[in-house]
Amino acid sequence: MTSSAAEMPLFTKTYDFLTWLVPLTNHFPKVHRHTITRRLLEAALDFQESLLEANSVRGQARLHCLEEADAALSRVRTYLRMAHQWRWINDGQYEHAGRKVAELGRLLGGWQKTTRQQAAGQAAHAGIG
């Protein structure tokens, strides 16, 4: 992780969420370890990897990575909802996860908005010259 990535709240909060989530899934039913549990963890890790990739590129490539991150975060929400419905996580854990995922979504949305504005500004500037 670059120093700029390490300093961005989105990266820190994603790391914190992952360090909370991974041990939590150790208590999920073993029979589902290779299906729902694996997909939840893959979605969470895909989210983090998309953020890291977005941090290393610019323009449309960054927007694409951020869209991938958004899709991964949606999958995380879905799998957490299933885990709660099946009572693999309790109400308090689900509420905690919901707050953390919502915060990640807000931070991601802000980065997407800034990136879109920068891309629009660059396109307008390129059209002038």
C-alpha atoms as a PDB file:
ATOM      1  CA  MET A   1       0.000   0.000   0.000  1.00  0.00           C
ATOM      2  CA  THR A   2       1.388   3.389  -0.929  1.00  0.00           C
ATOM      3  CA  SER A   3       1.797   5.994   1.768  1.00  0.00           C
ATOM      4  CA  SER A   4      -1.078   7.999   0.290  1.00  0.00           C
ATOM      5  CA  ALA A   5      -3.298   4.914   0.404  1.00  0.00           C
ATOM      6  CA  ALA A   6      -2.295   4.200   3.986  1.00  0.00           C
ATOM      7  CA  GLU A   7      -3.342   7.724   4.959  1.00  0.00           C
ATOM      8  CA  MET A   8      -6.753   7.633   3.254  1.00  0.00           C
ATOM      9  CA  PRO A   9      -9.581   6.820   5.681  1.00  0.00           C
ATOM     10  CA  LEU A  10     -11.192   4.460   3.158  1.00  0.00           C
ATOM     11  CA  PHE A  11      -8.139   2.196   3.145  1.00  0.00           C
ATOM     12  CA  THR A  12      -7.773   2.215   6.918  1.00  0.00           C
ATOM     13  CA  LYS A  13     -11.463   1.546   7.494  1.00  0.00           C
ATOM     14  CA  THR A  14     -11.471  -1.242   4.895  1.00  0.00           C
ATOM     15  CA  TYR A  15      -8.517  -2.876   6.619  1.00  0.00           C
ATOM     16  CA  ASP A  16     -10.245  -2.561   9.997  1.00  0.00           C
ATOM     17  CA  PHE A  17     -13.436  -4.076   8.584  1.00  0.00           C
ATOM     18  CA  LEU A  18     -11.512  -7.030   7.138  1.00  0.00           C
ATOM     19  CA  THR A  19      -9.675  -7.681  10.395  1.00  0.00           C
ATOM     20  CA  TRP A  20     -13.075  -7.801  12.117  1.00  0.00           C
ATOM     21  CA  LEU A  21     -14.835  -9.857   9.428  1.00  0.00           C
ATOM     22  CA  VAL A  22     -12.327 -12.654   8.826  1.00  0.00           C
ATOM     23  CA  PRO A  23     -12.324 -14.005  12.410  1.00  0.00           C
ATOM     24  CA  LEU A  24     -16.111 -13.621  12.547  1.00  0.00           C
ATOM     25  CA  THR A  25     -16.529 -16.030   9.631  1.00  0.00           C
ATOM     26  CA  ASN A  26     -14.611 -18.731  11.519  1.00  0.00           C
ATOM     27  CA  HIS A  27     -17.844 -19.285  13.440  1.00  0.00           C
ATOM     28  CA  PHE A  28     -19.992 -19.805  10.343  1.00  0.00           C
ATOM     29  CA  PRO A  29     -21.199 -23.383   9.752  1.00  0.00           C
ATOM     30  CA  LYS A  30     -18.457 -25.576   8.298  1.00  0.00           C
ATOM     31  CA  VAL A  31     -20.857 -26.987   5.735  1.00  0.00           C
ATOM     32  CA  HIS A  32     -21.055 -23.518   4.132  1.00  0.00           C
ATOM     33  CA  ARG A  33     -17.358 -22.676   4.378  1.00  0.00           C
ATOM     34  CA  HIS A  34     -16.792 -23.317   0.661  1.00  0.00           C
ATOM     35  CA  THR A  35     -19.892 -21.491  -0.531  1.00  0.00           C
ATOM     36  CA  ILE A  36     -21.378 -18.492   1.269  1.00  0.00           C
ATOM     37  CA  THR A  37     -18.451 -17.942   3.642  1.00  0.00           C
ATOM     38  CA  ARG A  38     -15.922 -18.082   0.806  1.00  0.00           C
ATOM     39  CA  ARG A  39     -17.976 -15.719  -1.341  1.00  0.00           C
ATOM     40  CA  LEU A  40     -18.387 -13.216   1.491  1.00  0.00           C
ATOM     41  CA  LEU A  41     -14.648 -13.154   2.113  1.00  0.00           C
ATOM     42  CA  GLU A  42     -13.853 -13.002  -1.603  1.00  0.00           C
ATOM     43  CA  ALA A  43     -16.228 -10.063  -2.044  1.00  0.00           C
ATOM     44  CA  ALA A  44     -14.627  -8.228   0.890  1.00  0.00           C
ATOM     45  CA  LEU A  45     -11.133  -8.890  -0.452  1.00  0.00           C
ATOM     46  CA  ASP A  46     -12.207  -7.945  -3.984  1.00  0.00           C
ATOM     47  CA  PHE A  47     -13.400  -4.641  -2.536  1.00  0.00           C
ATOM     48  CA  GLN A  48     -10.020  -3.976  -0.958  1.00  0.00           C
ATOM     49  CA  GLU A  49      -8.087  -5.031  -4.070  1.00  0.00           C
ATOM     50  CA  SER A  50     -10.207  -2.813  -6.319  1.00  0.00           C
ATOM     51  CA  LEU A  51      -9.469   0.142  -4.040  1.00  0.00           C
ATOM     52  CA  LEU A  52      -5.753  -0.557  -4.137  1.00  0.00           C
ATOM     53  CA  GLU A  53      -5.825  -0.824  -7.917  1.00  0.00           C
ATOM     54  CA  ALA A  54      -7.863   2.386  -8.198  1.00  0.00           C
ATOM     55  CA  ASN A  55      -5.227   4.160  -6.151  1.00  0.00           C
ATOM     56  CA  SER A  56      -2.560   3.221  -8.695  1.00  0.00           C
ATOM     57  CA  VAL A  57      -4.365   4.416 -11.851  1.00  0.00           C
ATOM     58  CA  ARG A  58      -6.078   7.597 -13.042  1.00  0.00           C
ATOM     59  CA  GLY A  59      -9.059   8.744 -15.098  1.00  0.00           C
ATOM     60  CA  GLN A  60     -11.407   6.191 -16.615  1.00  0.00           C
ATOM     61  CA  ALA A  61      -9.287   3.301 -15.357  1.00  0.00           C
ATOM     62  CA  ARG A  62      -9.769   4.568 -11.799  1.00  0.00           C
ATOM     63  CA  LEU A  63     -13.515   4.954 -12.327  1.00  0.00           C
ATOM     64  CA  HIS A  64     -13.679   1.376 -13.578  1.00  0.00           C
ATOM     65  CA  CYS A  65     -11.855   0.095 -10.473  1.00  0.00           C
ATOM     66  CA  LEU A  66     -14.131   2.115  -8.211  1.00  0.00           C
ATOM     67  CA  GLU A  67     -17.197   0.668  -9.954  1.00  0.00           C
ATOM     68  CA  GLU A  68     -15.788  -2.816  -9.352  1.00  0.00           C
ATOM     69  CA  ALA A  69     -15.281  -1.916  -5.695  1.00  0.00           C
ATOM     70  CA  ASP A  70     -18.885  -0.713  -5.487  1.00  0.00           C
ATOM     71  CA  ALA A  71     -20.143  -4.000  -6.940  1.00  0.00           C
ATOM     72  CA  ALA A  72     -18.007  -5.988  -4.491  1.00  0.00           C
ATOM     73  CA  LEU A  73     -19.346  -3.967  -1.560  1.00  0.00           C
ATOM     74  CA  SER A  74     -22.903  -4.718  -2.714  1.00  0.00           C
ATOM     75  CA  ARG A  75     -22.055  -8.429  -2.633  1.00  0.00           C
ATOM     76  CA  VAL A  76     -20.669  -8.036   0.897  1.00  0.00           C
ATOM     77  CA  ARG A  77     -23.970  -6.447   1.975  1.00  0.00           C
ATOM     78  CA  THR A  78     -25.947  -9.313   0.448  1.00  0.00           C
ATOM     79  CA  TYR A  79     -23.880 -12.069   2.069  1.00  0.00           C
ATOM     80  CA  LEU A  80     -23.990 -10.334   5.451  1.00  0.00           C
ATOM     81  CA  ARG A  81     -27.774 -10.078   5.167  1.00  0.00           C
ATOM     82  CA  MET A  82     -27.932 -13.817   4.453  1.00  0.00           C
ATOM     83  CA  ALA A  83     -25.640 -14.611   7.386  1.00  0.00           C
ATOM     84  CA  HIS A  84     -27.905 -12.597   9.670  1.00  0.00           C
ATOM     85  CA  GLN A  85     -31.069 -14.170   8.313  1.00  0.00           C
ATOM     86  CA  TRP A  86     -29.611 -17.630   8.944  1.00  0.00           C
ATOM     87  CA  ARG A  87     -28.520 -16.554  12.457  1.00  0.00           C
ATOM     88  CA  TRP A  88     -24.800 -16.992  11.736  1.00  0.00           C
ATOM     89  CA  ILE A  89     -24.311 -13.485  13.120  1.00  0.00           C
ATOM     90  CA  ASN A  90     -26.352 -11.872  15.856  1.00  0.00           C
ATOM     91  CA  ASP A  91     -28.231  -8.580  15.711  1.00  0.00           C
ATOM     92  CA  GLY A  92     -25.372  -6.609  17.249  1.00  0.00           C
ATOM     93  CA  GLN A  93     -22.827  -8.007  14.791  1.00  0.00           C
ATOM     94  CA  TYR A  94     -25.160  -7.306  11.890  1.00  0.00           C
ATOM     95  CA  GLU A  95     -25.730  -3.727  13.038  1.00  0.00           C
ATOM     96  CA  HIS A  96     -21.983  -3.216  13.461  1.00  0.00           C
ATOM     97  CA  ALA A  97     -21.313  -4.640  10.002  1.00  0.00           C
ATOM     98  CA  GLY A  98     -24.076  -2.508   8.525  1.00  0.00           C
ATOM     99  CA  ARG A  99     -22.608   0.671  10.003  1.00  0.00           C
ATOM    100  CA  LYS A 100     -19.122  -0.199   8.759  1.00  0.00           C
ATOM    101  CA  VAL A 101     -20.285  -1.137   5.261  1.00  0.00           C
ATOM    102  CA  ALA A 102     -22.422   2.014   5.030  1.00  0.00           C
ATOM    103  CA  GLU A 103     -19.411   4.109   6.023  1.00  0.00           C
ATOM    104  CA  LEU A 104     -17.245   2.375   3.422  1.00  0.00           C
ATOM    105  CA  GLY A 105     -19.959   3.038   0.850  1.00  0.00           C
ATOM    106  CA  ARG A 106     -20.062   6.751   1.710  1.00  0.00           C
ATOM    107  CA  LEU A 107     -16.287   7.067   1.457  1.00  0.00           C
ATOM    108  CA  LEU A 108     -16.261   5.153  -1.816  1.00  0.00           C
ATOM    109  CA  GLY A 109     -19.062   7.335  -3.180  1.00  0.00           C
ATOM    110  CA  GLY A 110     -17.070  10.441  -2.334  1.00  0.00           C
ATOM    111  CA  TRP A 111     -14.030   9.110  -4.166  1.00  0.00           C
ATOM    112  CA  GLN A 112     -16.179   8.211  -7.166  1.00  0.00           C
ATOM    113  CA  LYS A 113     -17.689  11.709  -7.239  1.00  0.00           C
ATOM    114  CA  THR A 114     -14.272  13.379  -7.030  1.00  0.00           C
ATOM    115  CA  THR A 115     -12.877  11.121  -9.747  1.00  0.00           C
ATOM    116  CA  ARG A 116     -15.832  11.833 -12.052  1.00  0.00           C
ATOM    117  CA  GLN A 117     -15.401  15.584 -11.517  1.00  0.00           C
ATOM    118  CA  GLN A 118     -11.678  15.356 -12.235  1.00  0.00           C
ATOM    119  CA  ALA A 119     -12.322  13.324 -15.382  1.00  0.00           C
ATOM    120  CA  ALA A 120     -14.927  15.859 -16.546  1.00  0.00           C
ATOM    121  CA  GLY A 121     -12.528  18.716 -15.834  1.00  0.00           C
ATOM    122  CA  GLN A 122      -9.742  17.037 -17.776  1.00  0.00           C
ATOM    123  CA  ALA A 123     -12.072  16.377 -20.695  1.00  0.00           C
ATOM    124  CA  ALA A 124     -13.201  20.017 -20.703  1.00  0.00           C
ATOM    125  CA  HIS A 125      -9.610  21.227 -20.475  1.00  0.00           C
ATOM    126  CA  ALA A 126      -8.558  18.942 -23.331  1.00  0.00           C
ATOM    127  CA  GLY A 127     -11.401  20.322 -25.452  1.00  0.00           C
ATOM    128  CA  ILE A 128     -10.202  23.900 -24.895  1.00  0.00           C
ATOM    129  CA  GLY A 129      -6.630  23.313 -26.041  1.00  0.00           C
END
